[in-house]
All heavy atoms as atom14 arrays in JSON, in Angstrom:
{
  "sequence": "ASLGPFLAALGAIALGIGYGPITPASSDILARTTPADRYALV",
  "atom14_mask": [
    [1, 1, 1, 1, 1, 0, 0, 0, 0, 0, 0, 0, 0, 0],
    [1, 1, 1, 1, 1, 1, 0, 0, 0, 0, 0, 0, 0, 0],
    [1, 1, 1, 1, 1, 1, 1, 1, 0, 0, 0, 0, 0, 0],
    [1, 1, 1, 1, 0, 0, 0, 0, 0, 0, 0, 0, 0, 0],
    [1, 1, 1, 1, 1, 1, 1, 0, 0, 0, 0, 0, 0, 0],
    [1, 1, 1, 1, 1, 1, 1, 1, 1, 1, 1, 0, 0, 0],
    [1, 1, 1, 1, 1, 1, 1, 1, 0, 0, 0, 0, 0, 0],
    [1, 1, 1, 1, 1, 0, 0, 0, 0, 0, 0, 0, 0, 0],
    [1, 1, 1, 1, 1, 0, 0, 0, 0, 0, 0, 0, 0, 0],
    [1, 1, 1, 1, 1, 1, 1, 1, 0, 0, 0, 0, 0, 0],
    [1, 1, 1, 1, 0, 0, 0, 0, 0, 0, 0, 0, 0, 0],
    [1, 1, 1, 1, 1, 0, 0, 0, 0, 0, 0, 0, 0, 0],
    [1, 1, 1, 1, 1, 1, 1, 1, 0, 0, 0, 0, 0, 0],
    [1, 1, 1, 1, 1, 0, 0, 0, 0, 0, 0, 0, 0, 0],
    [1, 1, 1, 1, 1, 1, 1, 1, 0, 0, 0, 0, 0, 0],
    [1, 1, 1, 1, 0, 0, 0, 0, 0, 0, 0, 0, 0, 0],
    [1, 1, 1, 1, 1, 1, 1, 1, 0, 0, 0, 0, 0, 0],
    [1, 1, 1, 1, 0, 0, 0, 0, 0, 0, 0, 0, 0, 0],
    [1, 1, 1, 1, 1, 1, 1, 1, 1, 1, 1, 1, 0, 0],
    [1, 1, 1, 1, 0, 0, 0, 0, 0, 0, 0, 0, 0, 0],
    [1, 1, 1, 1, 1, 1, 1, 0, 0, 0, 0, 0, 0, 0],
    [1, 1, 1, 1, 1, 1, 1, 1, 0, 0, 0, 0, 0, 0],
    [1, 1, 1, 1, 1, 1, 1, 0, 0, 0, 0, 0, 0, 0],
    [1, 1, 1, 1, 1, 1, 1, 0, 0, 0, 0, 0, 0, 0],
    [1, 1, 1, 1, 1, 0, 0, 0, 0, 0, 0, 0, 0, 0],
    [1, 1, 1, 1, 1, 1, 0, 0, 0, 0, 0, 0, 0, 0],
    [1, 1, 1, 1, 1, 1, 0, 0, 0, 0, 0, 0, 0, 0],
    [1, 1, 1, 1, 1, 1, 1, 1, 0, 0, 0, 0, 0, 0],
    [1, 1, 1, 1, 1, 1, 1, 1, 0, 0, 0, 0, 0, 0],
    [1, 1, 1, 1, 1, 1, 1, 1, 0, 0, 0, 0, 0, 0],
    [1, 1, 1, 1, 1, 0, 0, 0, 0, 0, 0, 0, 0, 0],
    [1, 1, 1, 1, 1, 1, 1, 1, 1, 1, 1, 0, 0, 0],
    [1, 1, 1, 1, 1, 1, 1, 0, 0, 0, 0, 0, 0, 0],
    [1, 1, 1, 1, 1, 1, 1, 0, 0, 0, 0, 0, 0, 0],
    [1, 1, 1, 1, 1, 1, 1, 0, 0, 0, 0, 0, 0, 0],
    [1, 1, 1, 1, 1, 0, 0, 0, 0, 0, 0, 0, 0, 0],
    [1, 1, 1, 1, 1, 1, 1, 1, 0, 0, 0, 0, 0, 0],
    [1, 1, 1, 1, 1, 1, 1, 1, 1, 1, 1, 0, 0, 0],
    [1, 1, 1, 1, 1, 1, 1, 1, 1, 1, 1, 1, 0, 0],
    [1, 1, 1, 1, 1, 0, 0, 0, 0, 0, 0, 0, 0, 0],
    [1, 1, 1, 1, 1, 1, 1, 1, 0, 0, 0, 0, 0, 0],
    [1, 1, 1, 1, 1, 1, 1, 0, 0, 0, 0, 0, 0, 0]
  ],
  "atom14_positions": [
    [[0.85, -1.24, 0.02], [0.02, 0.0, 0.02], [0.83, 1.25, 0.01], [0.31, 2.37, -0.31], [-0.95, -0.01, 1.24], [0.0, 0.0, 0.0], [0.0, 0.0, 0.0], [0.0, 0.0, 0.0], [0.0, 0.0, 0.0], [0.0, 0.0, 0.0], [0.0, 0.0, 0.0], [0.0, 0.0, 0.0], [0.0, 0.0, 0.0], [0.0, 0.0, 0.0]],
    [[2.11, 1.14, 0.33], [3.01, 2.32, 0.31], [3.28, 2.8, -1.12], [3.69, 3.92, -1.3], [4.36, 1.94, 1.0], [5.11, 1.06, 0.18], [0.0, 0.0, 0.0], [0.0, 0.0, 0.0], [0.0, 0.0, 0.0], [0.0, 0.0, 0.0], [0.0, 0.0, 0.0], [0.0, 0.0, 0.0], [0.0, 0.0, 0.0], [0.0, 0.0, 0.0]],
    [[3.02, 1.88, -2.07], [3.19, 2.18, -3.48], [4.63, 2.48, -3.91], [4.87, 3.1, -4.97], [2.25, 3.39, -3.93], [0.75, 3.17, -3.75], [-0.03, 4.35, -4.18], [0.31, 1.89, -4.47], [0.0, 0.0, 0.0], [0.0, 0.0, 0.0], [0.0, 0.0, 0.0], [0.0, 0.0, 0.0], [0.0, 0.0, 0.0], [0.0, 0.0, 0.0]],
    [[5.53, 2.02, -3.09], [6.94, 2.03, -3.47], [7.4, 0.74, -4.0], [7.14, -0.29, -3.31], [0.0, 0.0, 0.0], [0.0, 0.0, 0.0], [0.0, 0.0, 0.0], [0.0, 0.0, 0.0], [0.0, 0.0, 0.0], [0.0, 0.0, 0.0], [0.0, 0.0, 0.0], [0.0, 0.0, 0.0], [0.0, 0.0, 0.0], [0.0, 0.0, 0.0]],
    [[8.11, 0.67, -5.11], [8.47, -0.65, -5.7], [9.23, -1.56, -4.79], [8.99, -2.75, -4.71], [9.29, -0.24, -6.93], [8.77, 1.14, -7.34], [8.43, 1.79, -6.0], [0.0, 0.0, 0.0], [0.0, 0.0, 0.0], [0.0, 0.0, 0.0], [0.0, 0.0, 0.0], [0.0, 0.0, 0.0], [0.0, 0.0, 0.0], [0.0, 0.0, 0.0]],
    [[10.21, -0.95, -4.07], [11.03, -1.87, -3.17], [10.15, -2.39, -2.0], [10.22, -3.51, -1.65], [12.18, -1.0, -2.6], [13.04, -1.79, -1.57], [13.83, -2.86, -1.95], [12.98, -1.46, -0.27], [14.61, -3.53, -1.07], [13.77, -2.18, 0.65], [14.57, -3.22, 0.25], [0.0, 0.0, 0.0], [0.0, 0.0, 0.0], [0.0, 0.0, 0.0]],
    [[9.4, -1.52, -1.35], [8.51, -1.91, -0.3], [7.48, -2.88, -0.78], [7.04, -3.81, -0.04], [7.89, -0.75, 0.36], [8.83, 0.12, 1.21], [8.09, 1.34, 1.83], [9.56, -0.59, 2.32], [0.0, 0.0, 0.0], [0.0, 0.0, 0.0], [0.0, 0.0, 0.0], [0.0, 0.0, 0.0], [0.0, 0.0, 0.0], [0.0, 0.0, 0.0]],
    [[7.0, -2.69, -1.98], [6.02, -3.59, -2.59], [6.59, -4.98, -2.7], [5.93, -6.01, -2.48], [5.47, -3.06, -3.89], [0.0, 0.0, 0.0], [0.0, 0.0, 0.0], [0.0, 0.0, 0.0], [0.0, 0.0, 0.0], [0.0, 0.0, 0.0], [0.0, 0.0, 0.0], [0.0, 0.0, 0.0], [0.0, 0.0, 0.0], [0.0, 0.0, 0.0]],
    [[7.85, -5.03, -3.19], [8.54, -6.37, -3.26], [8.65, -7.03, -1.88], [8.37, -8.23, -1.78], [9.89, -6.15, -3.88], [0.0, 0.0, 0.0], [0.0, 0.0, 0.0], [0.0, 0.0, 0.0], [0.0, 0.0, 0.0], [0.0, 0.0, 0.0], [0.0, 0.0, 0.0], [0.0, 0.0, 0.0], [0.0, 0.0, 0.0], [0.0, 0.0, 0.0]],
    [[9.04, -6.25, -0.89], [9.02, -6.82, 0.48], [7.69, -7.27, 0.97], [7.49, -8.28, 1.6], [9.58, -5.76, 1.48], [11.02, -5.37, 1.28], [11.47, -4.34, 2.37], [11.98, -6.65, 1.49], [0.0, 0.0, 0.0], [0.0, 0.0, 0.0], [0.0, 0.0, 0.0], [0.0, 0.0, 0.0], [0.0, 0.0, 0.0], [0.0, 0.0, 0.0]],
    [[6.61, -6.53, 0.49], [5.28, -6.87, 0.88], [4.86, -8.2, 0.25], [4.17, -9.0, 0.86], [0.0, 0.0, 0.0], [0.0, 0.0, 0.0], [0.0, 0.0, 0.0], [0.0, 0.0, 0.0], [0.0, 0.0, 0.0], [0.0, 0.0, 0.0], [0.0, 0.0, 0.0], [0.0, 0.0, 0.0], [0.0, 0.0, 0.0], [0.0, 0.0, 0.0]],
    [[5.28, -8.45, -0.98], [4.97, -9.72, -1.65], [5.64, -10.84, -0.89], [5.0, -11.92, -0.7], [5.49, -9.67, -3.1], [0.0, 0.0, 0.0], [0.0, 0.0, 0.0], [0.0, 0.0, 0.0], [0.0, 0.0, 0.0], [0.0, 0.0, 0.0], [0.0, 0.0, 0.0], [0.0, 0.0, 0.0], [0.0, 0.0, 0.0], [0.0, 0.0, 0.0]],
    [[6.83, -10.66, -0.41], [7.55, -11.71, 0.38], [6.81, -11.9, 1.67], [6.58, -13.08, 2.04], [8.96, -11.29, 0.65], [9.8, -11.23, -0.62], [9.67, -12.25, 1.62], [11.19, -10.64, -0.49], [0.0, 0.0, 0.0], [0.0, 0.0, 0.0], [0.0, 0.0, 0.0], [0.0, 0.0, 0.0], [0.0, 0.0, 0.0], [0.0, 0.0, 0.0]],
    [[6.41, -10.88, 2.37], [5.69, -11.03, 3.6], [4.33, -11.72, 3.43], [3.95, -12.6, 4.22], [5.44, -9.69, 4.27], [0.0, 0.0, 0.0], [0.0, 0.0, 0.0], [0.0, 0.0, 0.0], [0.0, 0.0, 0.0], [0.0, 0.0, 0.0], [0.0, 0.0, 0.0], [0.0, 0.0, 0.0], [0.0, 0.0, 0.0], [0.0, 0.0, 0.0]],
    [[3.65, -11.43, 2.36], [2.39, -12.11, 2.06], [2.58, -13.58, 1.83], [1.82, -14.41, 2.28], [1.72, -11.46, 0.78], [0.81, -10.25, 1.09], [0.55, -9.54, -0.23], [-0.47, -10.68, 1.73], [0.0, 0.0, 0.0], [0.0, 0.0, 0.0], [0.0, 0.0, 0.0], [0.0, 0.0, 0.0], [0.0, 0.0, 0.0], [0.0, 0.0, 0.0]],
    [[3.65, -13.92, 1.13], [3.92, -15.31, 0.9], [4.3, -16.06, 2.16], [3.79, -17.18, 2.44], [0.0, 0.0, 0.0], [0.0, 0.0, 0.0], [0.0, 0.0, 0.0], [0.0, 0.0, 0.0], [0.0, 0.0, 0.0], [0.0, 0.0, 0.0], [0.0, 0.0, 0.0], [0.0, 0.0, 0.0], [0.0, 0.0, 0.0], [0.0, 0.0, 0.0]],
    [[5.08, -15.44, 3.03], [5.44, -16.01, 4.31], [4.19, -16.31, 5.12], [4.03, -17.3, 5.79], [6.38, -15.14, 5.1], [7.8, -15.08, 4.43], [6.55, -15.57, 6.51], [8.75, -14.16, 4.99], [0.0, 0.0, 0.0], [0.0, 0.0, 0.0], [0.0, 0.0, 0.0], [0.0, 0.0, 0.0], [0.0, 0.0, 0.0], [0.0, 0.0, 0.0]],
    [[3.26, -15.36, 5.05], [2.01, -15.53, 5.81], [1.04, -16.54, 5.26], [0.38, -17.26, 5.95], [0.0, 0.0, 0.0], [0.0, 0.0, 0.0], [0.0, 0.0, 0.0], [0.0, 0.0, 0.0], [0.0, 0.0, 0.0], [0.0, 0.0, 0.0], [0.0, 0.0, 0.0], [0.0, 0.0, 0.0], [0.0, 0.0, 0.0], [0.0, 0.0, 0.0]],
    [[1.04, -16.64, 3.88], [0.01, -17.5, 3.26], [0.43, -18.94, 3.37], [-0.42, -19.86, 3.49], [-0.11, -17.14, 1.77], [-1.3, -17.77, 1.1], [-2.58, -17.41, 1.38], [-1.08, -18.81, 0.17], [-3.66, -18.02, 0.78], [-2.14, -19.36, -0.45], [-3.44, -18.98, -0.15], [-4.49, -19.62, -0.78], [0.0, 0.0, 0.0], [0.0, 0.0, 0.0]],
    [[1.73, -19.26, 3.34], [2.21, -20.65, 3.36], [1.7, -21.52, 4.46], [1.27, -22.68, 4.17], [0.0, 0.0, 0.0], [0.0, 0.0, 0.0], [0.0, 0.0, 0.0], [0.0, 0.0, 0.0], [0.0, 0.0, 0.0], [0.0, 0.0, 0.0], [0.0, 0.0, 0.0], [0.0, 0.0, 0.0], [0.0, 0.0, 0.0], [0.0, 0.0, 0.0]],
    [[1.75, -21.11, 5.68], [1.28, -22.02, 6.79], [-0.18, -22.18, 6.97], [-0.61, -23.1, 7.76], [1.91, -21.31, 8.05], [2.89, -20.31, 7.52], [2.4, -19.87, 6.2], [0.0, 0.0, 0.0], [0.0, 0.0, 0.0], [0.0, 0.0, 0.0], [0.0, 0.0, 0.0], [0.0, 0.0, 0.0], [0.0, 0.0, 0.0], [0.0, 0.0, 0.0]],
    [[-1.0, -21.4, 6.27], [-2.45, -21.41, 6.6], [-3.05, -22.75, 6.3], [-3.83, -23.33, 7.18], [-3.17, -20.34, 5.71], [-2.75, -18.93, 6.11], [-4.69, -20.49, 5.83], [-3.12, -18.5, 7.49], [0.0, 0.0, 0.0], [0.0, 0.0, 0.0], [0.0, 0.0, 0.0], [0.0, 0.0, 0.0], [0.0, 0.0, 0.0], [0.0, 0.0, 0.0]],
    [[-2.79, -23.4, 5.15], [-3.38, -24.7, 4.84], [-2.88, -25.83, 5.65], [-3.69, -26.62, 6.13], [-3.23, -24.97, 3.3], [-3.9, -23.93, 2.56], [-3.87, -26.3, 2.96], [0.0, 0.0, 0.0], [0.0, 0.0, 0.0], [0.0, 0.0, 0.0], [0.0, 0.0, 0.0], [0.0, 0.0, 0.0], [0.0, 0.0, 0.0], [0.0, 0.0, 0.0]],
    [[-1.57, -25.93, 5.88], [-1.17, -27.01, 6.78], [-1.73, -26.9, 8.21], [-2.07, -27.9, 8.76], [0.39, -26.85, 6.86], [0.75, -26.15, 5.54], [-0.41, -25.25, 5.23], [0.0, 0.0, 0.0], [0.0, 0.0, 0.0], [0.0, 0.0, 0.0], [0.0, 0.0, 0.0], [0.0, 0.0, 0.0], [0.0, 0.0, 0.0], [0.0, 0.0, 0.0]],
    [[-1.91, -25.66, 8.67], [-2.42, -25.49, 10.0], [-3.9, -25.96, 10.05], [-4.32, -26.63, 10.98], [-2.31, -24.05, 10.46], [0.0, 0.0, 0.0], [0.0, 0.0, 0.0], [0.0, 0.0, 0.0], [0.0, 0.0, 0.0], [0.0, 0.0, 0.0], [0.0, 0.0, 0.0], [0.0, 0.0, 0.0], [0.0, 0.0, 0.0], [0.0, 0.0, 0.0]],
    [[-4.67, -25.53, 9.04], [-6.07, -25.93, 9.06], [-6.22, -27.4, 8.83], [-7.14, -28.06, 9.36], [-6.83, -25.15, 8.0], [-6.29, -25.41, 6.63], [0.0, 0.0, 0.0], [0.0, 0.0, 0.0], [0.0, 0.0, 0.0], [0.0, 0.0, 0.0], [0.0, 0.0, 0.0], [0.0, 0.0, 0.0], [0.0, 0.0, 0.0], [0.0, 0.0, 0.0]],
    [[-5.35, -28.0, 7.95], [-5.44, -29.44, 7.75], [-5.12, -30.2, 9.05], [-5.82, -31.25, 9.32], [-4.43, -29.89, 6.72], [-4.9, -29.4, 5.4], [0.0, 0.0, 0.0], [0.0, 0.0, 0.0], [0.0, 0.0, 0.0], [0.0, 0.0, 0.0], [0.0, 0.0, 0.0], [0.0, 0.0, 0.0], [0.0, 0.0, 0.0], [0.0, 0.0, 0.0]],
    [[-4.22, -29.74, 9.83], [-3.98, -30.34, 11.1], [-5.16, -30.32, 12.04], [-5.52, -31.29, 12.65], [-2.81, -29.69, 11.79], [-2.54, -30.17, 13.21], [-2.0, -31.29, 13.33], [-2.85, -29.45, 14.16], [0.0, 0.0, 0.0], [0.0, 0.0, 0.0], [0.0, 0.0, 0.0], [0.0, 0.0, 0.0], [0.0, 0.0, 0.0], [0.0, 0.0, 0.0]],
    [[-5.85, -29.2, 12.06], [-7.09, -29.08, 12.89], [-8.19, -30.03, 12.45], [-8.74, -30.77, 13.21], [-7.56, -27.58, 12.91], [-6.55, -26.7, 13.62], [-8.94, -27.54, 13.57], [-6.9, -25.22, 13.55], [0.0, 0.0, 0.0], [0.0, 0.0, 0.0], [0.0, 0.0, 0.0], [0.0, 0.0, 0.0], [0.0, 0.0, 0.0], [0.0, 0.0, 0.0]],
    [[-8.47, -29.97, 11.11], [-9.58, -30.75, 10.56], [-9.28, -32.25, 10.6], [-10.21, -33.01, 10.83], [-9.87, -30.29, 9.19], [-10.36, -28.85, 9.06], [-10.71, -28.49, 7.58], [-11.63, -28.61, 9.9], [0.0, 0.0, 0.0], [0.0, 0.0, 0.0], [0.0, 0.0, 0.0], [0.0, 0.0, 0.0], [0.0, 0.0, 0.0], [0.0, 0.0, 0.0]],
    [[-8.05, -32.65, 10.4], [-7.71, -34.08, 10.44], [-7.94, -34.67, 11.91], [-8.31, -35.8, 12.07], [-6.27, -34.34, 10.0], [0.0, 0.0, 0.0], [0.0, 0.0, 0.0], [0.0, 0.0, 0.0], [0.0, 0.0, 0.0], [0.0, 0.0, 0.0], [0.0, 0.0, 0.0], [0.0, 0.0, 0.0], [0.0, 0.0, 0.0], [0.0, 0.0, 0.0]],
    [[-7.79, -33.83, 12.85], [-7.98, -34.24, 14.26], [-9.42, -34.19, 14.69], [-9.8, -34.8, 15.73], [-7.14, -33.42, 15.23], [-5.68, -33.7, 15.04], [-4.85, -32.95, 16.18], [-4.7, -31.55, 15.91], [-5.22, -30.56, 16.63], [-6.02, -30.91, 17.62], [-5.04, -29.29, 16.33], [0.0, 0.0, 0.0], [0.0, 0.0, 0.0], [0.0, 0.0, 0.0]],
    [[-10.22, -33.4, 13.97], [-11.65, -33.18, 14.47], [-12.71, -33.71, 13.46], [-13.92, -33.51, 13.75], [-11.86, -31.68, 14.7], [-11.62, -30.98, 13.47], [-10.91, -31.12, 15.76], [0.0, 0.0, 0.0], [0.0, 0.0, 0.0], [0.0, 0.0, 0.0], [0.0, 0.0, 0.0], [0.0, 0.0, 0.0], [0.0, 0.0, 0.0], [0.0, 0.0, 0.0]],
    [[-12.32, -34.42, 12.43], [-13.29, -34.8, 11.38], [-13.31, -36.3, 11.25], [-12.19, -36.87, 11.12], [-12.96, -34.12, 10.03], [-12.93, -32.73, 10.2], [-14.0, -34.48, 8.98], [0.0, 0.0, 0.0], [0.0, 0.0, 0.0], [0.0, 0.0, 0.0], [0.0, 0.0, 0.0], [0.0, 0.0, 0.0], [0.0, 0.0, 0.0], [0.0, 0.0, 0.0]],
    [[-14.45, -36.95, 11.2], [-14.48, -38.38, 10.91], [-13.92, -38.67, 9.51], [-14.16, -37.85, 8.56], [-16.0, -38.75, 11.0], [-16.57, -37.63, 11.79], [-15.8, -36.38, 11.53], [0.0, 0.0, 0.0], [0.0, 0.0, 0.0], [0.0, 0.0, 0.0], [0.0, 0.0, 0.0], [0.0, 0.0, 0.0], [0.0, 0.0, 0.0], [0.0, 0.0, 0.0]],
    [[-13.23, -39.77, 9.35], [-12.52, -40.06, 8.13], [-13.46, -40.15, 6.96], [-13.11, -39.76, 5.76], [-11.73, -41.4, 8.22], [0.0, 0.0, 0.0], [0.0, 0.0, 0.0], [0.0, 0.0, 0.0], [0.0, 0.0, 0.0], [0.0, 0.0, 0.0], [0.0, 0.0, 0.0], [0.0, 0.0, 0.0], [0.0, 0.0, 0.0], [0.0, 0.0, 0.0]],
    [[-14.69, -40.59, 7.16], [-15.64, -40.79, 6.06], [-16.19, -39.44, 5.54], [-16.99, -39.39, 4.57], [-16.74, -41.8, 6.34], [-17.56, -41.27, 7.56], [-17.19, -40.35, 8.22], [-18.64, -41.96, 7.83], [0.0, 0.0, 0.0], [0.0, 0.0, 0.0], [0.0, 0.0, 0.0], [0.0, 0.0, 0.0], [0.0, 0.0, 0.0], [0.0, 0.0, 0.0]],
    [[-15.89, -38.39, 6.25], [-16.39, -37.03, 5.85], [-15.28, -36.1, 5.44], [-15.43, -34.91, 5.24], [-17.14, -36.38, 7.01], [-18.4, -37.15, 7.44], [-19.06, -36.47, 8.62], [-19.4, -35.11, 8.33], [-19.37, -34.11, 9.23], [-19.08, -34.33, 10.49], [-19.77, -32.88, 8.89], [0.0, 0.0, 0.0], [0.0, 0.0, 0.0], [0.0, 0.0, 0.0]],
    [[-14.04, -36.69, 5.28], [-12.9, -35.87, 4.96], [-13.12, -34.94, 3.72], [-12.87, -33.74, 3.74], [-11.67, -36.77, 4.75], [-10.82, -36.93, 5.98], [-11.26, -36.58, 7.2], [-9.5, -37.47, 5.9], [-10.51, -36.83, 8.38], [-8.75, -37.72, 6.97], [-9.23, -37.36, 8.25], [-8.46, -37.57, 9.32], [0.0, 0.0, 0.0], [0.0, 0.0, 0.0]],
    [[-13.52, -35.58, 2.61], [-13.54, -34.8, 1.33], [-14.5, -33.69, 1.43], [-14.2, -32.55, 0.98], [-13.91, -35.75, 0.19], [0.0, 0.0, 0.0], [0.0, 0.0, 0.0], [0.0, 0.0, 0.0], [0.0, 0.0, 0.0], [0.0, 0.0, 0.0], [0.0, 0.0, 0.0], [0.0, 0.0, 0.0], [0.0, 0.0, 0.0], [0.0, 0.0, 0.0]],
    [[-15.71, -33.92, 2.01], [-16.67, -32.86, 2.09], [-16.27, -31.78, 3.03], [-16.32, -30.56, 2.7], [-18.06, -33.44, 2.5], [-19.17, -32.45, 2.62], [-19.37, -31.69, 1.33], [-20.45, -33.12, 3.04], [0.0, 0.0, 0.0], [0.0, 0.0, 0.0], [0.0, 0.0, 0.0], [0.0, 0.0, 0.0], [0.0, 0.0, 0.0], [0.0, 0.0, 0.0]],
    [[-15.79, -32.18, 4.25], [-15.39, -31.13, 5.21], [-14.2, -30.33, 4.76], [-14.13, -29.09, 4.83], [-15.04, -31.82, 6.57], [-14.43, -30.82, 7.52], [-16.36, -32.33, 7.21], [0.0, 0.0, 0.0], [0.0, 0.0, 0.0], [0.0, 0.0, 0.0], [0.0, 0.0, 0.0], [0.0, 0.0, 0.0], [0.0, 0.0, 0.0], [0.0, 0.0, 0.0]]
  ]
}
């Protein structure tokens, strides 16, 4: 949002660092709390 090319590049890196763990974390939660026969739907 600073609209500076260098800071925007750093922002892209920060967004990637943040986005990467989201799915593994949620998969860990759902694998522990969901019956196996409902995996695909949940």
